[in-house]
C-alpha atoms as a PDB file:
ATOM      1  CA  ASP A   1      64.575 289.203-106.120  1.00  0.00           C
ATOM      2  CA  GLU A   2      67.402 287.051-107.387  1.00  0.00           C
ATOM      3  CA  HIS A   3      70.927 287.300-106.000  1.00  0.00           C
ATOM      4  CA  LEU A   4      73.835 285.636-107.800  1.00  0.00           C
ATOM      5  CA  ASP A   5      76.930 284.479-105.972  1.00  0.00           C
ATOM      6  CA  ILE A   6      80.127 285.875-107.540  1.00  0.00           C
ATOM      7  CA  THR A   7      81.150 282.348-108.519  1.00  0.00           C
ATOM      8  CA  ALA A   8      78.196 282.287-110.936  1.00  0.00           C
ATOM      9  CA  ILE A   9      80.584 284.198-113.212  1.00  0.00           C
ATOM     10  CA  THR A  10      84.092 283.521-111.921  1.00  0.00           C
ATOM     11  CA  GLY A  11      83.426 279.808-111.616  1.00  0.00           C
ATOM     12  CA  GLN A  12      82.662 279.388-115.305  1.00  0.00           C
ATOM     13  CA  THR A  13      84.972 278.387-118.164  1.00  0.00           C
ATOM     14  CA  ALA A  14      86.636 281.386-119.847  1.00  0.00           C
ATOM     15  CA  ILE A  15      86.428 281.916-123.613  1.00  0.00           C
ATOM     16  CA  THR A  16      88.918 283.862-125.717  1.00  0.00           C
ATOM     17  CA  SER A  17      86.753 284.748-128.730  1.00  0.00           C
ATOM     18  CA  LEU A  18      83.116 285.759-129.088  1.00  0.00           C
ATOM     19  CA  ALA A  19      80.510 284.549-131.564  1.00  0.00           C
ATOM     20  CA  ASP A  20      77.896 286.986-132.861  1.00  0.00           C
ATOM     21  CA  THR A  21      75.172 285.124-130.948  1.00  0.00           C
ATOM     22  CA  ASP A  22      76.970 285.026-127.575  1.00  0.00           C
ATOM     23  CA  LYS A  23      74.754 286.657-124.931  1.00  0.00           C
ATOM     24  CA  PHE A  24      75.348 289.206-122.141  1.00  0.00           C
ATOM     25  CA  LEU A  25      73.026 289.730-119.174  1.00  0.00           C
ATOM     26  CA  VAL A  26      71.873 293.350-118.831  1.00  0.00           C
ATOM     27  CA  SER A  27      69.542 295.450-116.728  1.00  0.00           C
ATOM     28  CA  ASP A  28      67.183 297.239-119.127  1.00  0.00           C
ATOM     29  CA  ALA A  29      66.975 300.845-117.909  1.00  0.00           C
ATOM     30  CA  SER A  30      64.083 301.531-120.278  1.00  0.00           C
ATOM     31  CA  ASP A  31      62.032 298.723-118.689  1.00  0.00           C
ATOM     32  CA  SER A  32      62.325 299.296-114.933  1.00  0.00           C
ATOM     33  CA  GLY A  33      65.671 297.533-114.771  1.00  0.00           C
ATOM     34  CA  ASN A  34      64.287 294.140-115.718  1.00  0.00           C
ATOM     35  CA  LEU A  35      66.912 291.563-116.626  1.00  0.00           C
ATOM     36  CA  LYS A  36      67.336 290.813-120.321  1.00  0.00           C
ATOM     37  CA  TYR A  37      70.147 289.684-122.584  1.00  0.00           C
ATOM     38  CA  VAL A  38      71.841 291.274-125.579  1.00  0.00           C
ATOM     39  CA  GLU A  39      73.808 289.419-128.241  1.00  0.00           C
ATOM     40  CA  LYS A  40      77.359 290.373-129.163  1.00  0.00           C
ATOM     41  CA  GLN A  41      76.339 291.257-132.734  1.00  0.00           C
ATOM     42  CA  TYR A  42      74.182 294.120-131.426  1.00  0.00           C
ATOM     43  CA  LEU A  43      76.845 295.736-129.232  1.00  0.00           C
ATOM     44  CA  PRO A  44      78.379 299.004-130.499  1.00  0.00           C
ATOM     45  CA  SER A  45      81.639 298.426-132.369  1.00  0.00           C
ATOM     46  CA  GLY A  46      84.192 300.322-134.408  1.00  0.00           C
ATOM     47  CA  LYS A  47      84.026 300.823-138.151  1.00  0.00           C
ATOM     48  CA  MET A  48      87.269 298.887-138.750  1.00  0.00           C
ATOM     49  CA  VAL A  49      87.047 295.154-138.117  1.00  0.00           C
ATOM     50  CA  LEU A  50      90.198 293.014-137.988  1.00  0.00           C
ATOM     51  CA  LEU A  51      89.790 290.230-140.567  1.00  0.00           C
ATOM     52  CA  GLN A  52      93.255 288.677-140.837  1.00  0.00           C
ATOM     53  CA  SER A  53      96.770 289.046-139.515  1.00  0.00           C
ATOM     54  CA  ALA A  54     100.061 287.216-140.001  1.00  0.00           C
ATOM     55  CA  SER A  55     103.711 287.432-139.016  1.00  0.00           C
ATOM     56  CA  THR A  56     106.186 284.902-140.413  1.00  0.00           C
ATOM     57  CA  GLN A  57     109.790 284.384-141.431  1.00  0.00           C
ATOM     58  CA  THR A  58     108.899 281.382-143.582  1.00  0.00           C
ATOM     59  CA  ASN A  59     109.482 281.863-147.320  1.00  0.00           C
ATOM     60  CA  ALA A  60     106.391 282.256-149.490  1.00  0.00           C
ATOM     61  CA  SER A  61     106.108 282.800-153.240  1.00  0.00           C
ATOM     62  CA  THR A  62     102.667 284.435-152.959  1.00  0.00           C
ATOM     63  CA  ILE A  63     100.459 285.885-150.237  1.00  0.00           C
ATOM     64  CA  SER A  64      96.923 285.003-151.299  1.00  0.00           C
ATOM     65  CA  PHE A  65      93.893 286.612-149.634  1.00  0.00           C
ATOM     66  CA  GLU A  66      90.927 284.385-150.587  1.00  0.00           C
ATOM     67  CA  ASN A  67      87.207 284.238-149.703  1.00  0.00           C
ATOM     68  CA  LEU A  68      87.658 287.682-148.193  1.00  0.00           C
ATOM     69  CA  PHE A  69      85.373 290.301-149.740  1.00  0.00           C
ATOM     70  CA  ASP A  70      81.761 290.463-148.564  1.00  0.00           C
ATOM     71  CA  LYS A  71      79.504 292.829-150.495  1.00  0.00           C
ATOM     72  CA  ASP A  72      76.933 292.845-147.685  1.00  0.00           C
ATOM     73  CA  LYS A  73      79.357 293.917-144.943  1.00  0.00           C
ATOM     74  CA  TYR A  74      82.254 295.963-146.278  1.00  0.00           C
ATOM     75  CA  SER A  75      82.831 298.437-149.099  1.00  0.00           C
ATOM     76  CA  PHE A  76      86.471 299.188-148.223  1.00  0.00           C
ATOM     77  CA  TYR A  77      89.406 297.230-146.861  1.00  0.00           C
ATOM     78  CA  ARG A  78      92.693 298.392-145.344  1.00  0.00           C
ATOM     79  CA  LEU A  79      95.987 296.501-145.400  1.00  0.00           C
ATOM     80  CA  VAL A  80      98.909 297.613-143.226  1.00  0.00           C
ATOM     81  CA  GLY A  81     101.972 295.480-143.715  1.00  0.00           C
ATOM     82  CA  TRP A  82     105.706 294.953-144.024  1.00  0.00           C
ATOM     83  CA  PHE A  83     107.194 292.703-146.719  1.00  0.00           C
ATOM     84  CA  ARG A  84     110.793 291.783-147.565  1.00  0.00           C
ATOM     85  CA  PRO A  85     111.842 289.798-150.660  1.00  0.00           C
ATOM     86  CA  VAL A  86     114.477 287.082-150.914  1.00  0.00           C
ATOM     87  CA  THR A  87     115.761 288.379-154.247  1.00  0.00           C
ATOM     88  CA  ASP A  88     117.561 291.724-154.480  1.00  0.00           C
ATOM     89  CA  GLY A  89     116.083 294.073-157.064  1.00  0.00           C
ATOM     90  CA  SER A  90     112.666 292.400-157.294  1.00  0.00           C
ATOM     91  CA  ASP A  91     109.313 294.215-157.488  1.00  0.00           C
ATOM     92  CA  LEU A  92     106.167 293.760-155.408  1.00  0.00           C
ATOM     93  CA  ASN A  93     103.129 293.053-157.611  1.00  0.00           C
ATOM     94  CA  PHE A  94      99.382 293.035-156.927  1.00  0.00           C
ATOM     95  CA  ARG A  95      96.397 291.298-158.543  1.00  0.00           C
ATOM     96  CA  TRP A  96      92.725 291.188-157.625  1.00  0.00           C
ATOM     97  CA  ARG A  97      91.002 287.793-157.201  1.00  0.00           C
ATOM     98  CA  SER A  98      87.484 286.617-157.956  1.00  0.00           C
ATOM     99  CA  ALA A  99      86.015 283.827-155.824  1.00  0.00           C
ATOM    100  CA  THR A 100      87.959 281.302-157.939  1.00  0.00           C
ATOM    101  CA  ASP A 101      90.834 282.922-159.867  1.00  0.00           C
ATOM    102  CA  ALA A 102      93.371 285.719-160.033  1.00  0.00           C
ATOM    103  CA  LEU A 103      92.162 288.533-162.306  1.00  0.00           C
ATOM    104  CA  SER A 104      94.864 289.013-164.935  1.00  0.00           C
ATOM    105  CA  ALA A 105      93.139 290.819-167.795  1.00  0.00           C
ATOM    106  CA  ALA A 106      95.381 293.635-169.103  1.00  0.00           C
ATOM    107  CA  GLU A 107      93.221 296.324-167.500  1.00  0.00           C
ATOM    108  CA  TYR A 108      95.341 297.620-164.618  1.00  0.00           C
ATOM    109  CA  TYR A 109      95.961 301.373-164.939  1.00  0.00           C
ATOM    110  CA  GLY A 110      97.857 303.559-162.505  1.00  0.00           C
ATOM    111  CA  VAL A 111     100.947 305.437-161.434  1.00  0.00           C
ATOM    112  CA  VAL A 112     103.346 305.474-158.485  1.00  0.00           C
ATOM    113  CA  GLN A 113     105.525 308.441-157.640  1.00  0.00           C
ATOM    114  CA  GLY A 114     107.700 309.686-154.827  1.00  0.00           C
ATOM    115  CA  LYS A 115     111.263 310.522-153.847  1.00  0.00           C
ATOM    116  CA  THR A 116     114.520 308.645-153.357  1.00  0.00           C
ATOM    117  CA  VAL A 117     117.556 309.683-151.325  1.00  0.00           C
ATOM    118  CA  ASP A 118     121.125 308.470-151.029  1.00  0.00           C
ATOM    119  CA  GLY A 119     124.520 310.070-150.342  1.00  0.00           C
ATOM    120  CA  GLY A 120     124.215 312.104-153.523  1.00  0.00           C
ATOM    121  CA  GLY A 121     120.933 313.740-152.497  1.00  0.00           C
ATOM    122  CA  THR A 122     117.306 313.329-153.518  1.00  0.00           C
ATOM    123  CA  SER A 123     115.693 312.510-156.852  1.00  0.00           C
ATOM    124  CA  ASP A 124     112.208 311.982-158.266  1.00  0.00           C
ATOM    125  CA  LEU A 125     110.685 308.533-158.613  1.00  0.00           C
ATOM    126  CA  ILE A 126     107.888 307.437-160.960  1.00  0.00           C
ATOM    127  CA  TRP A 127     106.568 304.350-162.775  1.00  0.00           C
ATOM    128  CA  SER A 128     103.214 303.429-164.231  1.00  0.00           C
ATOM    129  CA  ARG A 129     101.054 300.695-165.770  1.00  0.00           C
ATOM    130  CA  TRP A 130      98.706 301.394-168.673  1.00  0.00           C
ATOM    131  CA  GLY A 131      96.724 298.265-169.437  1.00  0.00           C
ATOM    132  CA  GLY A 132      99.099 295.879-167.665  1.00  0.00           C
ATOM    133  CA  ASN A 133      97.919 292.550-166.274  1.00  0.00           C
ATOM    134  CA  PHE A 134      98.980 293.408-162.702  1.00  0.00           C
ATOM    135  CA  ALA A 135      99.676 296.467-160.547  1.00  0.00           C
ATOM    136  CA  LYS A 136     103.337 297.180-159.784  1.00  0.00           C
ATOM    137  CA  ILE A 137     103.683 298.423-156.185  1.00  0.00           C
ATOM    138  CA  THR A 138     107.474 298.705-155.789  1.00  0.00           C
ATOM    139  CA  ASN A 139     110.366 298.938-158.224  1.00  0.00           C
ATOM    140  CA  ASP A 140     113.814 297.392-157.635  1.00  0.00           C
ATOM    141  CA  ALA A 141     113.328 296.529-153.939  1.00  0.00           C
ATOM    142  CA  GLY A 142     116.322 295.526-151.821  1.00  0.00           C
ATOM    143  CA  ASN A 143     116.505 292.453-149.592  1.00  0.00           C
ATOM    144  CA  SER A 144     118.814 293.442-146.736  1.00  0.00           C
ATOM    145  CA  ALA A 145     117.472 292.986-143.194  1.00  0.00           C
ATOM    146  CA  TYR A 146     116.360 296.649-143.029  1.00  0.00           C
ATOM    147  CA  ASN A 147     115.119 296.819-146.640  1.00  0.00           C
ATOM    148  CA  GLY A 148     111.494 295.678-146.285  1.00  0.00           C
ATOM    149  CA  LEU A 149     108.531 297.611-147.673  1.00  0.00           C
ATOM    150  CA  ILE A 150     106.133 299.158-145.172  1.00  0.00           C
ATOM    151  CA  ILE A 151     102.777 300.001-146.741  1.00  0.00           C
ATOM    152  CA  ASP A 152      99.324 301.326-145.900  1.00  0.00           C
ATOM    153  CA  MET A 153      96.824 300.352-148.628  1.00  0.00           C
ATOM    154  CA  VAL A 154      93.092 301.026-149.025  1.00  0.00           C
ATOM    155  CA  LEU A 155      91.181 298.676-151.354  1.00  0.00           C
ATOM    156  CA  ARG A 156      87.759 299.052-152.958  1.00  0.00           C
ATOM    157  CA  PRO A 157      86.769 295.853-154.786  1.00  0.00           C
ATOM    158  CA  ARG A 158      84.168 295.703-157.526  1.00  0.00           C
ATOM    159  CA  PHE A 159      81.001 293.666-156.946  1.00  0.00           C
ATOM    160  CA  ALA A 160      78.501 292.658-159.617  1.00  0.00           C
ATOM    161  CA  SER A 161      75.728 293.606-157.182  1.00  0.00           C
ATOM    162  CA  GLY A 162      75.504 295.431-153.892  1.00  0.00           C
ATOM    163  CA  THR A 163      77.078 298.740-152.930  1.00  0.00           C
ATOM    164  CA  SER A 164      80.198 298.727-155.128  1.00  0.00           C
ATOM    165  CA  THR A 165      78.879 298.176-158.645  1.00  0.00           C
ATOM    166  CA  THR A 166      80.864 300.694-160.662  1.00  0.00           C
ATOM    167  CA  ASN A 167      82.946 299.257-163.497  1.00  0.00           C
ATOM    168  CA  SER A 168      86.256 299.459-161.671  1.00  0.00           C
ATOM    169  CA  ALA A 169      88.144 298.318-158.598  1.00  0.00           C
ATOM    170  CA  ASN A 170      90.638 300.654-156.953  1.00  0.00           C
ATOM    171  CA  ILE A 171      93.621 300.624-154.637  1.00  0.00           C
ATOM    172  CA  THR A 172      95.513 303.580-153.218  1.00  0.00           C
ATOM    173  CA  PHE A 173      98.582 303.303-151.024  1.00  0.00           C
ATOM    174  CA  GLN A 174     101.549 304.995-149.431  1.00  0.00           C
ATOM    175  CA  GLY A 175     104.731 303.570-148.021  1.00  0.00           C
ATOM    176  CA  GLY A 176     108.479 303.344-148.022  1.00  0.00           C
ATOM    177  CA  TYR A 177     111.225 300.860-148.836  1.00  0.00           C
ATOM    178  CA  TRP A 178     114.832 300.625-150.077  1.00  0.00           C
ATOM    179  CA  GLN A 179     115.813 300.306-153.712  1.00  0.00           C
ATOM    180  CA  ASP A 180     118.647 297.943-154.563  1.00  0.00           C
ATOM    181  CA  ASN A 181     119.884 300.403-157.242  1.00  0.00           C
ATOM    182  CA  SER A 182     122.494 297.961-158.610  1.00  0.00           C
ATOM    183  CA  GLY A 183     124.045 297.528-155.193  1.00  0.00           C
ATOM    184  CA  SER A 184     124.024 301.237-154.268  1.00  0.00           C
ATOM    185  CA  GLU A 185     120.992 301.523-152.013  1.00  0.00           C
ATOM    186  CA  LYS A 186     118.439 304.331-152.037  1.00  0.00           C
ATOM    187  CA  ALA A 187     115.725 304.997-149.466  1.00  0.00           C
ATOM    188  CA  VAL A 188     112.293 305.495-151.055  1.00  0.00           C
ATOM    189  CA  SER A 189     109.109 307.273-150.012  1.00  0.00           C
ATOM    190  CA  MET A 190     106.208 306.737-152.431  1.00  0.00           C
ATOM    191  CA  HIS A 191     102.457 306.805-152.989  1.00  0.00           C
ATOM    192  CA  GLY A 192     100.318 305.384-155.768  1.00  0.00           C
ATOM    193  CA  HIS A 193      96.935 304.439-157.199  1.00  0.00           C
ATOM    194  CA  TYR A 194      95.667 301.730-159.566  1.00  0.00           C
ATOM    195  CA  THR A 195      92.303 301.063-161.215  1.00  0.00           C
ATOM    196  CA  TYR A 196      91.199 297.689-162.598  1.00  0.00           C
ATOM    197  CA  THR A 197      88.623 298.475-165.276  1.00  0.00           C
ATOM    198  CA  ASN A 198      87.281 295.038-166.237  1.00  0.00           C
ATOM    199  CA  SER A 199      83.517 295.585-166.190  1.00  0.00           C
ATOM    200  CA  SER A 200      82.679 291.880-165.838  1.00  0.00           C
ATOM    201  CA  ALA A 201      84.793 291.312-162.721  1.00  0.00           C
ATOM    202  CA  ASP A 202      82.903 290.182-159.619  1.00  0.00           C
ATOM    203  CA  MET A 203      85.058 290.133-156.491  1.00  0.00           C
ATOM    204  CA  ASP A 204      82.410 288.985-154.002  1.00  0.00           C
ATOM    205  CA  ASN A 205      84.020 286.173-151.948  1.00  0.00           C
ATOM    206  CA  GLY A 206      87.256 287.035-153.736  1.00  0.00           C
ATOM    207  CA  GLY A 207      90.383 288.816-152.575  1.00  0.00           C
ATOM    208  CA  PHE A 208      93.828 289.703-153.900  1.00  0.00           C
ATOM    209  CA  LEU A 209      97.397 288.479-154.366  1.00  0.00           C
ATOM    210  CA  LEU A 210     100.759 289.967-153.444  1.00  0.00           C
ATOM    211  CA  TYR A 211     103.860 288.402-154.997  1.00  0.00           C
ATOM    212  CA  PRO A 212     107.479 289.330-155.849  1.00  0.00           C
ATOM    213  CA  SER A 213     108.468 289.612-159.510  1.00  0.00           C
ATOM    214  CA  SER A 214     111.220 287.075-158.808  1.00  0.00           C
ATOM    215  CA  GLY A 215     111.966 284.744-155.931  1.00  0.00           C
ATOM    216  CA  ASP A 216     109.957 284.559-152.716  1.00  0.00           C
ATOM    217  CA  PHE A 217     109.079 286.699-149.753  1.00  0.00           C
ATOM    218  CA  ASP A 218     111.742 286.181-147.105  1.00  0.00           C
ATOM    219  CA  GLU A 219     109.460 287.427-144.320  1.00  0.00           C
ATOM    220  CA  PHE A 220     106.328 289.513-143.878  1.00  0.00           C
ATOM    221  CA  GLU A 221     103.873 290.864-141.328  1.00  0.00           C
ATOM    222  CA  TYR A 222     100.435 292.382-141.908  1.00  0.00           C
ATOM    223  CA  VAL A 223      97.034 293.247-140.489  1.00  0.00           C
ATOM    224  CA  LEU A 224      93.942 293.455-142.709  1.00  0.00           C
ATOM    225  CA  TYR A 225      90.744 295.306-141.784  1.00  0.00           C
ATOM    226  CA  GLY A 226      87.262 295.551-143.265  1.00  0.00           C
ATOM    227  CA  ILE A 227      85.562 298.954-143.019  1.00  0.00           C
ATOM    228  CA  THR A 228      81.861 298.491-142.301  1.00  0.00           C
ATOM    229  CA  GLN A 229      79.136 300.098-144.398  1.00  0.00           C
ATOM    230  CA  SER A 230      77.186 301.436-141.391  1.00  0.00           C
END
C-alpha cells in the first residue's frame, strides 16, 4: 500500500487553467479501486463552453471575432453582450467572416421588430434587410451612459464540410436599447433574425464583426460561448 503525505498535493505549485491533457489521479471503482489517471478532456462538462470574454472602456471602431468557428467542435455559438456607441443615432451592424475576410456579398436577409416607449406611449418598431451586404441589428441607437444595447444572440455559421453544410448562415437575437429619436429618447425592446445565403461561404476558422454605422464603440462587455455537438 502507498500512503501520500498531504503535502504531496498542497506542497505543489498551483495552476489557474487546465490543458486537455492535464491528469487527475483516481481510484477506479470498476477495477478493485486500483489507482489510475484520467485526463481533463475526458471529464464530464457542460454543453456551453466559454470561448472569449471582454470588458473595456477603450474606444474601438470594430469588434472582430477571428479564428473562432470550429466545424469539428461546435455547431452553434452564443453571444451575450452590452455595447454603447460614441455617436448618437448610429446603428449596430453585423457581418460574418471567413478565415481571411469579412463576408460582404449582398445576401443578408432578415427583419427586426419590437416595441418602443416614451412619454407619449408605445409604438411598433420594424426594419429589414433584403439582399443587403450586412445585417442591421439596431436602428438609431443613443449614446448616453444608460443607452447601451444589451443583446443575447445565437449564431449558426455555414461550413463547406462538417455538420453545418446547408447553404445559409443564421443569427437570431433579442435585446433592448435606447433610440436617440432626434434627441427625444425612446426605450426599445426588439428581436430579430438574419440569413446569409451565399452558398460558397466557408466560415470554418472564421468568425464575425460588430461595428457601428458611424463613429466607434465607446465601451462594451461580452461573453461568447460555443455549444458542443455532443
